[in-house]
């Protein structure tokens, strides 16, 4: 995944290894989603999933219904935990900026 930031593009690996599907939690922003596919002879290709994938800020009700504390307690996948924490921090930071601006 490539995220556009104030300091330029930031590339993050969401998952690696043989998997048919993955579930991710993305923070607020617009992302370039792609898969880098490798084979045994070390050849690889890059497949664009979505060049401009936007995410949106949830409402307060949607955020509370997600119940991040319970989700974190029930998740053993370290990559997913990091994704959820990053999204949560960005949500709270954005909400604080809105509150301060009012």
PDB file of N, CA and C in Angstrom:
ATOM      1  N   UNK A   1       0.849  -1.152   0.000  1.00  0.00           N
ATOM      2  CA  UNK A   1       0.000   0.000   0.000  1.00  0.00           C
ATOM      3  C   UNK A   1       0.900   1.222   0.000  1.00  0.00           C
ATOM      4  N   UNK A   2       0.526   2.225  -0.778  1.00  0.00           N
ATOM      5  CA  UNK A   2       1.244   3.492  -0.789  1.00  0.00           C
ATOM      6  C   UNK A   2       0.294   4.564  -0.268  1.00  0.00           C
ATOM      7  N   UNK A   3       0.741   5.280   0.756  1.00  0.00           N
ATOM      8  CA  UNK A   3      -0.050   6.356   1.356  1.00  0.00           C
ATOM      9  C   UNK A   3       0.615   7.682   1.030  1.00  0.00           C
ATOM     10  N   UNK A   4      -0.180   8.642   0.603  1.00  0.00           N
ATOM     11  CA  UNK A   4       0.341   9.979   0.350  1.00  0.00           C
ATOM     12  C   UNK A   4       0.366  10.735   1.670  1.00  0.00           C
ATOM     13  N   UNK A   5       1.556  11.207   2.081  1.00  0.00           N
ATOM     14  CA  UNK A   5       1.694  11.956   3.333  1.00  0.00           C
ATOM     15  C   UNK A   5       2.285  13.328   3.036  1.00  0.00           C
ATOM     16  N   UNK A   6       2.354  14.173   4.055  1.00  0.00           N
ATOM     17  CA  UNK A   6       2.955  15.500   3.899  1.00  0.00           C
ATOM     18  C   UNK A   6       4.429  15.406   3.516  1.00  0.00           C
ATOM     19  N   UNK A   7       5.080  14.304   3.889  1.00  0.00           N
ATOM     20  CA  UNK A   7       6.513  14.114   3.625  1.00  0.00           C
ATOM     21  C   UNK A   7       6.782  13.282   2.378  1.00  0.00           C
ATOM     22  N   UNK A   8       5.751  12.998   1.596  1.00  0.00           N
ATOM     23  CA  UNK A   8       5.919  12.172   0.400  1.00  0.00           C
ATOM     24  C   UNK A   8       5.160  10.866   0.531  1.00  0.00           C
ATOM     25  N   UNK A   9       5.422   9.941  -0.370  1.00  0.00           N
ATOM     26  CA  UNK A   9       4.741   8.650  -0.352  1.00  0.00           C
ATOM     27  C   UNK A   9       5.360   7.711   0.672  1.00  0.00           C
ATOM     28  N   UNK A  10       4.511   6.969   1.382  1.00  0.00           N
ATOM     29  CA  UNK A  10       4.948   5.994   2.382  1.00  0.00           C
ATOM     30  C   UNK A  10       4.398   4.631   1.966  1.00  0.00           C
ATOM     31  N   UNK A  11       5.284   3.664   1.760  1.00  0.00           N
ATOM     32  CA  UNK A  11       4.876   2.317   1.370  1.00  0.00           C
ATOM     33  C   UNK A  11       4.843   1.423   2.595  1.00  0.00           C
ATOM     34  N   UNK A  12       3.740   0.675   2.758  1.00  0.00           N
ATOM     35  CA  UNK A  12       3.553  -0.223   3.894  1.00  0.00           C
ATOM     36  C   UNK A  12       3.130  -1.593   3.386  1.00  0.00           C
ATOM     37  N   UNK A  13       3.741  -2.646   3.901  1.00  0.00           N
ATOM     38  CA  UNK A  13       3.330  -4.012   3.575  1.00  0.00           C
ATOM     39  C   UNK A  13       2.185  -4.379   4.510  1.00  0.00           C
ATOM     40  N   UNK A  14       1.031  -4.737   3.937  1.00  0.00           N
ATOM     41  CA  UNK A  14      -0.123  -5.099   4.755  1.00  0.00           C
ATOM     42  C   UNK A  14      -0.096  -6.579   5.132  1.00  0.00           C
ATOM     43  N   UNK A  15       0.272  -7.438   4.203  1.00  0.00           N
ATOM     44  CA  UNK A  15       0.373  -8.877   4.446  1.00  0.00           C
ATOM     45  C   UNK A  15       1.430  -9.459   3.529  1.00  0.00           C
ATOM     46  N   UNK A  16       2.018 -10.560   3.959  1.00  0.00           N
ATOM     47  CA  UNK A  16       2.918 -11.304   3.081  1.00  0.00           C
ATOM     48  C   UNK A  16       2.708 -12.780   3.348  1.00  0.00           C
ATOM     49  N   UNK A  17       3.095 -13.582   2.389  1.00  0.00           N
ATOM     50  CA  UNK A  17       2.921 -15.028   2.511  1.00  0.00           C
ATOM     51  C   UNK A  17       1.761 -15.507   1.664  1.00  0.00           C
ATOM     52  N   UNK A  18       1.623 -16.813   1.567  1.00  0.00           N
ATOM     53  CA  UNK A  18       0.548 -17.365   0.738  1.00  0.00           C
ATOM     54  C   UNK A  18      -0.819 -17.179   1.407  1.00  0.00           C
ATOM     55  N   UNK A  19      -1.627 -16.348   0.812  1.00  0.00           N
ATOM     56  CA  UNK A  19      -2.982 -16.141   1.323  1.00  0.00           C
ATOM     57  C   UNK A  19      -3.904 -15.804   0.165  1.00  0.00           C
ATOM     58  N   UNK A  20      -5.096 -16.349   0.197  1.00  0.00           N
ATOM     59  CA  UNK A  20      -6.067 -16.088  -0.858  1.00  0.00           C
ATOM     60  C   UNK A  20      -6.801 -14.774  -0.615  1.00  0.00           C
ATOM     61  N   UNK A  21      -6.909 -14.371   0.648  1.00  0.00           N
ATOM     62  CA  UNK A  21      -7.571 -13.113   0.973  1.00  0.00           C
ATOM     63  C   UNK A  21      -7.018 -12.582   2.283  1.00  0.00           C
ATOM     64  N   UNK A  22      -7.168 -11.294   2.482  1.00  0.00           N
ATOM     65  CA  UNK A  22      -6.726 -10.684   3.731  1.00  0.00           C
ATOM     66  C   UNK A  22      -7.710  -9.595   4.115  1.00  0.00           C
ATOM     67  N   UNK A  23      -7.802  -9.340   5.395  1.00  0.00           N
ATOM     68  CA  UNK A  23      -8.678  -8.304   5.915  1.00  0.00           C
ATOM     69  C   UNK A  23      -7.790  -7.258   6.562  1.00  0.00           C
ATOM     70  N   UNK A  24      -7.956  -6.006   6.172  1.00  0.00           N
ATOM     71  CA  UNK A  24      -7.100  -4.939   6.694  1.00  0.00           C
ATOM     72  C   UNK A  24      -7.955  -3.801   7.236  1.00  0.00           C
ATOM     73  N   UNK A  25      -7.364  -3.003   8.091  1.00  0.00           N
ATOM     74  CA  UNK A  25      -7.996  -1.797   8.626  1.00  0.00           C
ATOM     75  C   UNK A  25      -7.127  -0.629   8.198  1.00  0.00           C
ATOM     76  N   UNK A  26      -7.686   0.258   7.389  1.00  0.00           N
ATOM     77  CA  UNK A  26      -6.925   1.390   6.875  1.00  0.00           C
ATOM     78  C   UNK A  26      -7.324   2.673   7.593  1.00  0.00           C
ATOM     79  N   UNK A  27      -6.360   3.559   7.811  1.00  0.00           N
ATOM     80  CA  UNK A  27      -6.698   4.858   8.403  1.00  0.00           C
ATOM     81  C   UNK A  27      -7.340   5.769   7.357  1.00  0.00           C
ATOM     82  N   UNK A  28      -7.764   6.927   7.792  1.00  0.00           N
ATOM     83  CA  UNK A  28      -8.340   7.927   6.911  1.00  0.00           C
ATOM     84  C   UNK A  28      -7.307   8.365   5.879  1.00  0.00           C
ATOM     85  N   UNK A  29      -7.697   8.397   4.610  1.00  0.00           N
ATOM     86  CA  UNK A  29      -6.773   8.839   3.574  1.00  0.00           C
ATOM     87  C   UNK A  29      -7.106   8.248   2.220  1.00  0.00           C
ATOM     88  N   UNK A  30      -6.182   8.429   1.294  1.00  0.00           N
ATOM     89  CA  UNK A  30      -6.309   7.854  -0.049  1.00  0.00           C
ATOM     90  C   UNK A  30      -5.072   7.011  -0.301  1.00  0.00           C
ATOM     91  N   UNK A  31      -5.268   5.796  -0.784  1.00  0.00           N
ATOM     92  CA  UNK A  31      -4.185   4.834  -0.894  1.00  0.00           C
ATOM     93  C   UNK A  31      -4.105   4.232  -2.288  1.00  0.00           C
ATOM     94  N   UNK A  32      -2.893   3.827  -2.656  1.00  0.00           N
ATOM     95  CA  UNK A  32      -2.652   3.055  -3.875  1.00  0.00           C
ATOM     96  C   UNK A  32      -2.431   1.621  -3.395  1.00  0.00           C
ATOM     97  N   UNK A  33      -3.379   0.748  -3.675  1.00  0.00           N
ATOM     98  CA  UNK A  33      -3.279  -0.652  -3.260  1.00  0.00           C
ATOM     99  C   UNK A  33      -2.735  -1.489  -4.404  1.00  0.00           C
ATOM    100  N   UNK A  34      -1.722  -2.309  -4.100  1.00  0.00           N
ATOM    101  CA  UNK A  34      -1.152  -3.180  -5.128  1.00  0.00           C
ATOM    102  C   UNK A  34      -0.657  -4.467  -4.477  1.00  0.00           C
ATOM    103  N   UNK A  35      -0.500  -5.487  -5.309  1.00  0.00           N
ATOM    104  CA  UNK A  35       0.050  -6.768  -4.851  1.00  0.00           C
ATOM    105  C   UNK A  35       1.349  -7.024  -5.594  1.00  0.00           C
ATOM    106  N   UNK A  36       2.362  -7.402  -4.861  1.00  0.00           N
ATOM    107  CA  UNK A  36       3.625  -7.814  -5.469  1.00  0.00           C
ATOM    108  C   UNK A  36       3.645  -9.334  -5.354  1.00  0.00           C
ATOM    109  N   UNK A  37       3.588 -10.006  -6.486  1.00  0.00           N
ATOM    110  CA  UNK A  37       3.431 -11.462  -6.523  1.00  0.00           C
ATOM    111  C   UNK A  37       4.756 -12.100  -6.935  1.00  0.00           C
ATOM    112  N   UNK A  38       5.269 -12.974  -6.063  1.00  0.00           N
ATOM    113  CA  UNK A  38       6.555 -13.643  -6.299  1.00  0.00           C
ATOM    114  C   UNK A  38       6.330 -15.133  -6.549  1.00  0.00           C
ATOM    115  N   UNK A  39       7.254 -15.740  -7.300  1.00  0.00           N
ATOM    116  CA  UNK A  39       7.207 -17.189  -7.515  1.00  0.00           C
ATOM    117  C   UNK A  39       8.553 -17.788  -7.135  1.00  0.00           C
ATOM    118  N   UNK A  40       8.631 -19.116  -7.137  1.00  0.00           N
ATOM    119  CA  UNK A  40       9.797 -19.831  -6.616  1.00  0.00           C
ATOM    120  C   UNK A  40      11.116 -19.458  -7.289  1.00  0.00           C
ATOM    121  N   UNK A  41      11.103 -19.144  -8.577  1.00  0.00           N
ATOM    122  CA  UNK A  41      12.341 -18.813  -9.295  1.00  0.00           C
ATOM    123  C   UNK A  41      12.739 -17.354  -9.097  1.00  0.00           C
ATOM    124  N   UNK A  42      12.103 -16.695  -8.158  1.00  0.00           N
ATOM    125  CA  UNK A  42      12.372 -15.314  -7.768  1.00  0.00           C
ATOM    126  C   UNK A  42      11.913 -14.266  -8.785  1.00  0.00           C
ATOM    127  N   UNK A  43      11.118 -14.677  -9.756  1.00  0.00           N
ATOM    128  CA  UNK A  43      10.496 -13.704 -10.654  1.00  0.00           C
ATOM    129  C   UNK A  43       9.297 -13.111  -9.917  1.00  0.00           C
ATOM    130  N   UNK A  44       8.937 -11.873 -10.251  1.00  0.00           N
ATOM    131  CA  UNK A  44       7.774 -11.277  -9.612  1.00  0.00           C
ATOM    132  C   UNK A  44       7.108 -10.284 -10.549  1.00  0.00           C
ATOM    133  N   UNK A  45       5.883  -9.939 -10.225  1.00  0.00           N
ATOM    134  CA  UNK A  45       5.144  -8.916 -10.953  1.00  0.00           C
ATOM    135  C   UNK A  45       4.383  -8.078  -9.941  1.00  0.00           C
ATOM    136  N   UNK A  46       4.041  -6.863 -10.337  1.00  0.00           N
ATOM    137  CA  UNK A  46       3.246  -5.986  -9.492  1.00  0.00           C
ATOM    138  C   UNK A  46       1.880  -5.823 -10.147  1.00  0.00           C
ATOM    139  N   UNK A  47       0.840  -6.072  -9.365  1.00  0.00           N
ATOM    140  CA  UNK A  47      -0.529  -5.991  -9.854  1.00  0.00           C
ATOM    141  C   UNK A  47      -1.248  -4.871  -9.108  1.00  0.00           C
ATOM    142  N   UNK A  48      -1.722  -3.856  -9.846  1.00  0.00           N
ATOM    143  CA  UNK A  48      -2.484  -2.771  -9.227  1.00  0.00           C
ATOM    144  C   UNK A  48      -3.879  -3.271  -8.863  1.00  0.00           C
ATOM    145  N   UNK A  49      -4.231  -3.126  -7.591  1.00  0.00           N
ATOM    146  CA  UNK A  49      -5.578  -3.474  -7.137  1.00  0.00           C
ATOM    147  C   UNK A  49      -6.478  -2.259  -7.303  1.00  0.00           C
ATOM    148  N   UNK A  50      -6.021  -1.127  -6.800  1.00  0.00           N
ATOM    149  CA  UNK A  50      -6.754   0.137  -6.928  1.00  0.00           C
ATOM    150  C   UNK A  50      -5.746   1.274  -6.811  1.00  0.00           C
ATOM    151  N   UNK A  51      -5.704   2.149  -7.818  1.00  0.00           N
ATOM    152  CA  UNK A  51      -4.728   3.236  -7.824  1.00  0.00           C
ATOM    153  C   UNK A  51      -5.118   4.334  -6.837  1.00  0.00           C
ATOM    154  N   UNK A  52      -6.402   4.639  -6.737  1.00  0.00           N
ATOM    155  CA  UNK A  52      -6.878   5.654  -5.788  1.00  0.00           C
ATOM    156  C   UNK A  52      -8.013   5.058  -4.962  1.00  0.00           C
ATOM    157  N   UNK A  53      -7.667   4.549  -3.794  1.00  0.00           N
ATOM    158  CA  UNK A  53      -8.643   3.926  -2.900  1.00  0.00           C
ATOM    159  C   UNK A  53      -8.854   4.851  -1.701  1.00  0.00           C
ATOM    160  N   UNK A  54      -9.984   5.603  -1.665  1.00  0.00           N
ATOM    161  CA  UNK A  54     -10.201   6.526  -0.555  1.00  0.00           C
ATOM    162  C   UNK A  54     -10.883   5.828   0.632  1.00  0.00           C
ATOM    163  N   UNK A  55     -10.551   6.269   1.825  1.00  0.00           N
ATOM    164  CA  UNK A  55     -11.283   5.830   3.015  1.00  0.00           C
ATOM    165  C   UNK A  55     -11.918   7.067   3.630  1.00  0.00           C
ATOM    166  N   UNK A  56     -12.965   6.863   4.393  1.00  0.00           N
ATOM    167  CA  UNK A  56     -13.729   7.972   4.941  1.00  0.00           C
ATOM    168  C   UNK A  56     -13.792   7.882   6.457  1.00  0.00           C
ATOM    169  N   UNK A  57     -13.940   9.028   7.091  1.00  0.00           N
ATOM    170  CA  UNK A  57     -14.049   9.108   8.536  1.00  0.00           C
ATOM    171  C   UNK A  57     -15.399   8.537   8.967  1.00  0.00           C
ATOM    172  N   UNK A  58     -15.414   7.583   9.900  1.00  0.00           N
ATOM    173  CA  UNK A  58     -16.703   7.061  10.364  1.00  0.00           C
ATOM    174  C   UNK A  58     -17.410   8.095  11.243  1.00  0.00           C
ATOM    175  N   UNK A  59     -18.709   7.948  11.353  1.00  0.00           N
ATOM    176  CA  UNK A  59     -19.441   8.801  12.289  1.00  0.00           C
ATOM    177  C   UNK A  59     -19.081   8.374  13.708  1.00  0.00           C
ATOM    178  N   UNK A  60     -19.419   9.185  14.683  1.00  0.00           N
ATOM    179  CA  UNK A  60     -19.156   8.839  16.086  1.00  0.00           C
ATOM    180  C   UNK A  60     -19.852   7.527  16.446  1.00  0.00           C
ATOM    181  N   UNK A  61     -21.074   7.332  15.948  1.00  0.00           N
ATOM    182  CA  UNK A  61     -21.833   6.103  16.227  1.00  0.00           C
ATOM    183  C   UNK A  61     -21.148   4.883  15.612  1.00  0.00           C
ATOM    184  N   UNK A  62     -20.668   5.013  14.368  1.00  0.00           N
ATOM    185  CA  UNK A  62     -19.967   3.904  13.712  1.00  0.00           C
ATOM    186  C   UNK A  62     -18.672   3.572  14.452  1.00  0.00           C
ATOM    187  N   UNK A  63     -17.945   4.611  14.877  1.00  0.00           N
ATOM    188  CA  UNK A  63     -16.700   4.402  15.614  1.00  0.00           C
ATOM    189  C   UNK A  63     -16.961   3.661  16.919  1.00  0.00           C
ATOM    190  N   UNK A  64     -17.971   4.089  17.668  1.00  0.00           N
ATOM    191  CA  UNK A  64     -18.289   3.436  18.940  1.00  0.00           C
ATOM    192  C   UNK A  64     -18.786   2.004  18.730  1.00  0.00           C
ATOM    193  N   UNK A  65     -19.564   1.778  17.664  1.00  0.00           N
ATOM    194  CA  UNK A  65     -20.083   0.431  17.382  1.00  0.00           C
ATOM    195  C   UNK A  65     -18.960  -0.539  17.010  1.00  0.00           C
ATOM    196  N   UNK A  66     -17.872  -0.031  16.440  1.00  0.00           N
ATOM    197  CA  UNK A  66     -16.742  -0.886  16.071  1.00  0.00           C
ATOM    198  C   UNK A  66     -16.098  -1.514  17.308  1.00  0.00           C
ATOM    199  N   UNK A  67     -16.107  -0.813  18.433  1.00  0.00           N
ATOM    200  CA  UNK A  67     -15.584  -1.301  19.714  1.00  0.00           C
ATOM    201  C   UNK A  67     -14.145  -1.797  19.577  1.00  0.00           C
ATOM    202  N   UNK A  68     -13.255  -0.865  19.328  1.00  0.00           N
ATOM    203  CA  UNK A  68     -11.856  -1.209  19.059  1.00  0.00           C
ATOM    204  C   UNK A  68     -11.196  -1.944  20.225  1.00  0.00           C
ATOM    205  N   UNK A  69     -11.574  -1.623  21.449  1.00  0.00           N
ATOM    206  CA  UNK A  69     -10.967  -2.293  22.612  1.00  0.00           C
ATOM    207  C   UNK A  69     -11.228  -3.795  22.563  1.00  0.00           C
ATOM    208  N   UNK A  70     -12.456  -4.178  22.256  1.00  0.00           N
ATOM    209  CA  UNK A  70     -12.800  -5.598  22.163  1.00  0.00           C
ATOM    210  C   UNK A  70     -12.114  -6.250  20.960  1.00  0.00           C
ATOM    211  N   UNK A  71     -12.087  -5.545  19.828  1.00  0.00           N
ATOM    212  CA  UNK A  71     -11.437  -6.092  18.630  1.00  0.00           C
ATOM    213  C   UNK A  71      -9.953  -6.347  18.890  1.00  0.00           C
ATOM    214  N   UNK A  72      -9.273  -5.408  19.562  1.00  0.00           N
ATOM    215  CA  UNK A  72      -7.851  -5.581  19.873  1.00  0.00           C
ATOM    216  C   UNK A  72      -7.637  -6.769  20.802  1.00  0.00           C
ATOM    217  N   UNK A  73      -8.520  -6.937  21.786  1.00  0.00           N
ATOM    218  CA  UNK A  73      -8.390  -8.042  22.740  1.00  0.00           C
ATOM    219  C   UNK A  73      -8.581  -9.397  22.064  1.00  0.00           C
ATOM    220  N   UNK A  74      -9.363  -9.439  20.992  1.00  0.00           N
ATOM    221  CA  UNK A  74      -9.668 -10.710  20.319  1.00  0.00           C
ATOM    222  C   UNK A  74      -8.798 -10.982  19.096  1.00  0.00           C
ATOM    223  N   UNK A  75      -7.848 -10.113  18.798  1.00  0.00           N
ATOM    224  CA  UNK A  75      -7.013 -10.267  17.605  1.00  0.00           C
ATOM    225  C   UNK A  75      -5.626 -10.744  17.994  1.00  0.00           C
ATOM    226  N   UNK A  76      -5.136 -11.770  17.317  1.00  0.00           N
ATOM    227  CA  UNK A  76      -3.789 -12.289  17.558  1.00  0.00           C
ATOM    228  C   UNK A  76      -2.817 -11.916  16.437  1.00  0.00           C
ATOM    229  N   UNK A  77      -3.344 -11.342  15.366  1.00  0.00           N
ATOM    230  CA  UNK A  77      -2.554 -10.970  14.193  1.00  0.00           C
ATOM    231  C   UNK A  77      -1.870  -9.627  14.456  1.00  0.00           C
ATOM    232  N   UNK A  78      -0.552  -9.634  14.618  1.00  0.00           N
ATOM    233  CA  UNK A  78       0.182  -8.416  14.970  1.00  0.00           C
ATOM    234  C   UNK A  78       0.066  -7.334  13.903  1.00  0.00           C
ATOM    235  N   UNK A  79       0.063  -7.712  12.627  1.00  0.00           N
ATOM    236  CA  UNK A  79      -0.073  -6.728  11.550  1.00  0.00           C
ATOM    237  C   UNK A  79      -1.434  -6.046  11.638  1.00  0.00           C
ATOM    238  N   UNK A  80      -2.469  -6.812  11.909  1.00  0.00           N
ATOM    239  CA  UNK A  80      -3.820  -6.244  12.011  1.00  0.00           C
ATOM    240  C   UNK A  80      -3.941  -5.339  13.227  1.00  0.00           C
ATOM    241  N   UNK A  81      -3.320  -5.716  14.337  1.00  0.00           N
ATOM    242  CA  UNK A  81      -3.331  -4.876  15.538  1.00  0.00           C
ATOM    243  C   UNK A  81      -2.679  -3.529  15.220  1.00  0.00           C
ATOM    244  N   UNK A  82      -1.532  -3.553  14.541  1.00  0.00           N
ATOM    245  CA  UNK A  82      -0.847  -2.318  14.170  1.00  0.00           C
ATOM    246  C   UNK A  82      -1.733  -1.463  13.262  1.00  0.00           C
ATOM    247  N   UNK A  83      -2.435  -2.087  12.334  1.00  0.00           N
ATOM    248  CA  UNK A  83      -3.331  -1.359  11.434  1.00  0.00           C
ATOM    249  C   UNK A  83      -4.461  -0.697  12.219  1.00  0.00           C
ATOM    250  N   UNK A  84      -5.062  -1.443  13.152  1.00  0.00           N
ATOM    251  CA  UNK A  84      -6.167  -0.894  13.940  1.00  0.00           C
ATOM    252  C   UNK A  84      -5.702   0.268  14.816  1.00  0.00           C
ATOM    253  N   UNK A  85      -4.531   0.133  15.441  1.00  0.00           N
ATOM    254  CA  UNK A  85      -4.014   1.204  16.290  1.00  0.00           C
ATOM    255  C   UNK A  85      -3.695   2.455  15.476  1.00  0.00           C
ATOM    256  N   UNK A  86      -3.109   2.277  14.287  1.00  0.00           N
ATOM    257  CA  UNK A  86      -2.807   3.406  13.419  1.00  0.00           C
ATOM    258  C   UNK A  86      -4.093   4.120  13.005  1.00  0.00           C
ATOM    259  N   UNK A  87      -5.094   3.354  12.598  1.00  0.00           N
ATOM    260  CA  UNK A  87      -6.376   3.947  12.190  1.00  0.00           C
ATOM    261  C   UNK A  87      -7.030   4.670  13.365  1.00  0.00           C
ATOM    262  N   UNK A  88      -6.955   4.085  14.557  1.00  0.00           N
ATOM    263  CA  UNK A  88      -7.570   4.691  15.740  1.00  0.00           C
ATOM    264  C   UNK A  88      -6.891   6.014  16.094  1.00  0.00           C
ATOM    265  N   UNK A  89      -5.567   6.040  16.057  1.00  0.00           N
ATOM    266  CA  UNK A  89      -4.828   7.274  16.368  1.00  0.00           C
ATOM    267  C   UNK A  89      -5.172   8.362  15.353  1.00  0.00           C
ATOM    268  N   UNK A  90      -5.215   8.007  14.069  1.00  0.00           N
ATOM    269  CA  UNK A  90      -5.522   9.009  13.045  1.00  0.00           C
ATOM    270  C   UNK A  90      -6.952   9.521  13.204  1.00  0.00           C
ATOM    271  N   UNK A  91      -7.890   8.640  13.569  1.00  0.00           N
ATOM    272  CA  UNK A  91      -9.279   9.059  13.791  1.00  0.00           C
ATOM    273  C   UNK A  91      -9.342  10.058  14.940  1.00  0.00           C
ATOM    274  N   UNK A  92      -8.711   9.714  16.061  1.00  0.00           N
ATOM    275  CA  UNK A  92      -8.751  10.584  17.238  1.00  0.00           C
ATOM    276  C   UNK A  92      -8.026  11.900  16.966  1.00  0.00           C
ATOM    277  N   UNK A  93      -6.911  11.863  16.252  1.00  0.00           N
ATOM    278  CA  UNK A  93      -6.177  13.085  15.922  1.00  0.00           C
ATOM    279  C   UNK A  93      -7.026  13.995  15.041  1.00  0.00           C
ATOM    280  N   UNK A  94      -7.704  13.408  14.051  1.00  0.00           N
ATOM    281  CA  UNK A  94      -8.548  14.194  13.159  1.00  0.00           C
ATOM    282  C   UNK A  94      -9.704  14.817  13.926  1.00  0.00           C
ATOM    283  N   UNK A  95     -10.325  14.058  14.821  1.00  0.00           N
ATOM    284  CA  UNK A  95     -11.452  14.572  15.612  1.00  0.00           C
ATOM    285  C   UNK A  95     -10.998  15.703  16.528  1.00  0.00           C
ATOM    286  N   UNK A  96      -9.812  15.591  17.104  1.00  0.00           N
ATOM    287  CA  UNK A  96      -9.281  16.655  17.965  1.00  0.00           C
ATOM    288  C   UNK A  96      -9.053  17.919  17.139  1.00  0.00           C
ATOM    289  N   UNK A  97      -8.516  17.788  15.926  1.00  0.00           N
ATOM    290  CA  UNK A  97      -8.281  18.962  15.061  1.00  0.00           C
ATOM    291  C   UNK A  97      -9.604  19.655  14.737  1.00  0.00           C
ATOM    292  N   UNK A  98     -10.654  18.886  14.477  1.00  0.00           N
ATOM    293  CA  UNK A  98     -11.966  19.465  14.188  1.00  0.00           C
ATOM    294  C   UNK A  98     -12.478  20.203  15.411  1.00  0.00           C
ATOM    295  N   UNK A  99     -12.343  19.595  16.585  1.00  0.00           N
ATOM    296  CA  UNK A  99     -12.820  20.202  17.817  1.00  0.00           C
ATOM    297  C   UNK A  99     -12.071  21.503  18.103  1.00  0.00           C
ATOM    298  N   UNK A 100     -10.767  21.515  17.932  1.00  0.00           N
ATOM    299  CA  UNK A 100      -9.970  22.711  18.173  1.00  0.00           C
ATOM    300  C   UNK A 100     -10.322  23.809  17.183  1.00  0.00           C
ATOM    301  N   UNK A 101     -10.618  23.425  15.945  1.00  0.00           N
ATOM    302  CA  UNK A 101     -10.916  24.406  14.909  1.00  0.00           C
ATOM    303  C   UNK A 101     -12.277  25.071  15.127  1.00  0.00           C
ATOM    304  N   UNK A 102     -13.182  24.439  15.851  1.00  0.00           N
ATOM    305  CA  UNK A 102     -14.535  24.996  16.044  1.00  0.00           C
ATOM    306  C   UNK A 102     -14.517  26.157  16.941  1.00  0.00           C
TER     307      UNK A 102
END
